[in-house]
Structure formats: structure tokens, C-alpha cells
Amino acid sequence: MKPDRNVDRVMLDDEAALLYWTCRFDVSPDELEEAVDIVGDSVDAVAAYLNVGKGRERE
């Protein structure tokens, strides 16, 4: 399921989008919000910050 909005930006303003991004990045809503606060809402920037796809160890 993808949100109906621009998928180049991580949008946290509705429940469906939040669910999509937390599942896509395998993070909690708090982790996702922290990433967006730090690096902005660019999908690439958030993915890099979260180190998605790089074998990042989960705590």
C-alpha cells in the first residue's frame, strides 16, 4: 500500500502515510519522526539516515 501523495517525500501527516513509511523503513513512528526532523522529508535522505538496506542492526 502506497500513500496517495508524492512518494518522493516522507509525509507524517496522516495515519496511512505514517503506516506506509514505518513499514517501508522498518522503524517505529518515533524513529521515523526523528529522522524527518533531522534530515528533512526526502525519501533518500531519510533512508540514508536510517541506513536502510545496509544491514543496520536493530536495537
N, C-alpha and C. Protein backbone atom coordinates (compact mmCIF):
# COMPACT_ATOMS: atom_id res chain seq x y z
N MET A 1 0.84 -1.18 0.00
CA MET A 1 0.00 0.00 0.00
C MET A 1 0.89 1.24 0.00
N LYS A 2 0.68 2.11 -0.96
CA LYS A 2 1.41 3.37 -1.01
C LYS A 2 0.44 4.51 -0.71
N PRO A 3 0.94 5.55 -0.07
CA PRO A 3 0.06 6.69 0.16
C PRO A 3 -0.29 7.36 -1.16
N ASP A 4 -1.38 8.09 -1.18
CA ASP A 4 -1.85 8.75 -2.40
C ASP A 4 -1.04 9.97 -2.77
N ARG A 5 -0.10 10.32 -1.97
CA ARG A 5 0.67 11.55 -2.18
C ARG A 5 2.01 11.25 -2.84
N ASN A 6 2.81 12.28 -2.96
CA ASN A 6 4.14 12.19 -3.53
C ASN A 6 5.00 11.23 -2.73
N VAL A 7 5.48 10.16 -3.35
CA VAL A 7 6.29 9.19 -2.63
C VAL A 7 7.77 9.54 -2.65
N ASP A 8 8.10 10.75 -3.10
CA ASP A 8 9.47 11.25 -3.00
C ASP A 8 9.72 11.94 -1.67
N ARG A 9 8.66 12.12 -0.91
CA ARG A 9 8.72 12.80 0.38
C ARG A 9 8.09 11.92 1.46
N VAL A 10 8.71 11.90 2.61
CA VAL A 10 8.16 11.16 3.75
C VAL A 10 7.17 12.07 4.46
N MET A 11 5.91 11.76 4.31
CA MET A 11 4.86 12.57 4.91
C MET A 11 4.36 11.87 6.17
N LEU A 12 4.24 12.64 7.24
CA LEU A 12 3.82 12.09 8.53
C LEU A 12 2.46 12.63 8.96
N ASP A 13 1.76 13.26 8.03
CA ASP A 13 0.56 13.99 8.42
C ASP A 13 -0.74 13.18 8.43
N ASP A 14 -0.68 11.91 8.03
CA ASP A 14 -1.88 11.09 8.17
C ASP A 14 -1.49 9.65 8.49
N GLU A 15 -2.45 8.93 9.03
CA GLU A 15 -2.18 7.59 9.54
C GLU A 15 -1.72 6.62 8.45
N ALA A 16 -2.33 6.70 7.27
CA ALA A 16 -1.96 5.79 6.18
C ALA A 16 -0.52 6.02 5.74
N ALA A 17 -0.13 7.28 5.62
CA ALA A 17 1.24 7.59 5.22
C ALA A 17 2.23 7.16 6.29
N LEU A 18 1.91 7.42 7.53
CA LEU A 18 2.78 7.01 8.63
C LEU A 18 2.96 5.50 8.66
N LEU A 19 1.89 4.76 8.47
CA LEU A 19 1.97 3.30 8.43
C LEU A 19 2.83 2.83 7.26
N TYR A 20 2.63 3.44 6.10
CA TYR A 20 3.42 3.08 4.92
C TYR A 20 4.92 3.28 5.17
N TRP A 21 5.30 4.45 5.65
CA TRP A 21 6.72 4.76 5.83
C TRP A 21 7.35 3.96 6.95
N THR A 22 6.63 3.75 8.05
CA THR A 22 7.21 2.94 9.13
C THR A 22 7.42 1.51 8.68
N CYS A 23 6.50 0.98 7.89
CA CYS A 23 6.67 -0.38 7.35
C CYS A 23 7.79 -0.42 6.32
N ARG A 24 7.82 0.55 5.45
CA ARG A 24 8.85 0.57 4.40
C ARG A 24 10.26 0.62 4.99
N PHE A 25 10.43 1.44 6.04
CA PHE A 25 11.75 1.59 6.64
C PHE A 25 11.97 0.68 7.85
N ASP A 26 10.95 -0.06 8.25
CA ASP A 26 11.03 -0.97 9.39
C ASP A 26 11.51 -0.25 10.64
N VAL A 27 10.82 0.85 10.95
CA VAL A 27 11.15 1.66 12.12
C VAL A 27 9.86 2.01 12.86
N SER A 28 10.01 2.50 14.08
CA SER A 28 8.86 2.96 14.85
C SER A 28 8.47 4.36 14.36
N PRO A 29 7.25 4.78 14.68
CA PRO A 29 6.86 6.15 14.33
C PRO A 29 7.80 7.19 14.94
N ASP A 30 8.26 6.95 16.16
CA ASP A 30 9.19 7.90 16.79
C ASP A 30 10.51 7.98 16.05
N GLU A 31 11.03 6.83 15.62
CA GLU A 31 12.30 6.82 14.87
C GLU A 31 12.14 7.55 13.55
N LEU A 32 11.01 7.33 12.89
CA LEU A 32 10.76 7.99 11.61
C LEU A 32 10.64 9.49 11.79
N GLU A 33 9.91 9.92 12.81
CA GLU A 33 9.76 11.35 13.07
C GLU A 33 11.10 12.00 13.38
N GLU A 34 11.92 11.31 14.16
CA GLU A 34 13.26 11.83 14.47
C GLU A 34 14.08 12.00 13.19
N ALA A 35 14.04 11.00 12.32
CA ALA A 35 14.80 11.07 11.07
C ALA A 35 14.34 12.26 10.22
N VAL A 36 13.03 12.44 10.10
CA VAL A 36 12.50 13.55 9.30
C VAL A 36 12.87 14.89 9.94
N ASP A 37 12.82 14.97 11.25
CA ASP A 37 13.21 16.20 11.95
C ASP A 37 14.67 16.55 11.68
N ILE A 38 15.52 15.55 11.59
CA ILE A 38 16.95 15.78 11.44
C ILE A 38 17.36 16.04 9.99
N VAL A 39 16.86 15.21 9.05
CA VAL A 39 17.34 15.31 7.66
C VAL A 39 16.32 15.84 6.68
N GLY A 40 15.10 16.10 7.14
CA GLY A 40 14.06 16.57 6.22
C GLY A 40 13.24 15.41 5.69
N ASP A 41 12.33 15.71 4.77
CA ASP A 41 11.37 14.70 4.34
C ASP A 41 11.71 13.99 3.03
N SER A 42 12.90 14.20 2.50
CA SER A 42 13.32 13.49 1.30
C SER A 42 13.47 12.00 1.61
N VAL A 43 12.86 11.16 0.78
CA VAL A 43 12.94 9.71 0.99
C VAL A 43 14.39 9.25 1.00
N ASP A 44 15.19 9.75 0.08
CA ASP A 44 16.60 9.35 0.02
C ASP A 44 17.36 9.76 1.28
N ALA A 45 17.10 10.97 1.76
CA ALA A 45 17.79 11.44 2.96
C ALA A 45 17.38 10.64 4.19
N VAL A 46 16.09 10.35 4.31
CA VAL A 46 15.61 9.56 5.44
C VAL A 46 16.17 8.15 5.37
N ALA A 47 16.17 7.55 4.18
CA ALA A 47 16.71 6.20 4.02
C ALA A 47 18.20 6.17 4.38
N ALA A 48 18.94 7.18 3.94
CA ALA A 48 20.37 7.23 4.27
C ALA A 48 20.57 7.39 5.77
N TYR A 49 19.77 8.26 6.39
CA TYR A 49 19.88 8.48 7.82
C TYR A 49 19.59 7.19 8.59
N LEU A 50 18.58 6.48 8.15
CA LEU A 50 18.20 5.23 8.81
C LEU A 50 19.07 4.06 8.37
N ASN A 51 19.90 4.31 7.36
CA ASN A 51 20.80 3.30 6.82
C ASN A 51 20.02 2.08 6.31
N VAL A 52 18.89 2.34 5.68
CA VAL A 52 18.04 1.29 5.16
C VAL A 52 18.75 0.52 4.06
N GLY A 53 18.65 -0.80 4.15
CA GLY A 53 19.23 -1.66 3.13
C GLY A 53 20.71 -1.90 3.31
N LYS A 54 21.28 -1.45 4.40
CA LYS A 54 22.72 -1.60 4.62
C LYS A 54 23.01 -2.59 5.75
N GLY A 55 22.01 -3.38 6.15
CA GLY A 55 22.23 -4.34 7.20
C GLY A 55 22.34 -3.72 8.57
N ARG A 56 21.72 -2.58 8.74
CA ARG A 56 21.74 -1.89 10.02
C ARG A 56 21.21 -2.83 11.11
N GLU A 57 21.93 -2.89 12.21
CA GLU A 57 21.47 -3.71 13.32
C GLU A 57 20.39 -2.98 14.07
N ARG A 58 19.32 -3.68 14.35
CA ARG A 58 18.21 -3.11 15.11
C ARG A 58 18.51 -3.27 16.59
N GLU A 59 18.14 -2.28 17.35
CA GLU A 59 18.34 -2.32 18.81
C GLU A 59 17.27 -3.13 19.46
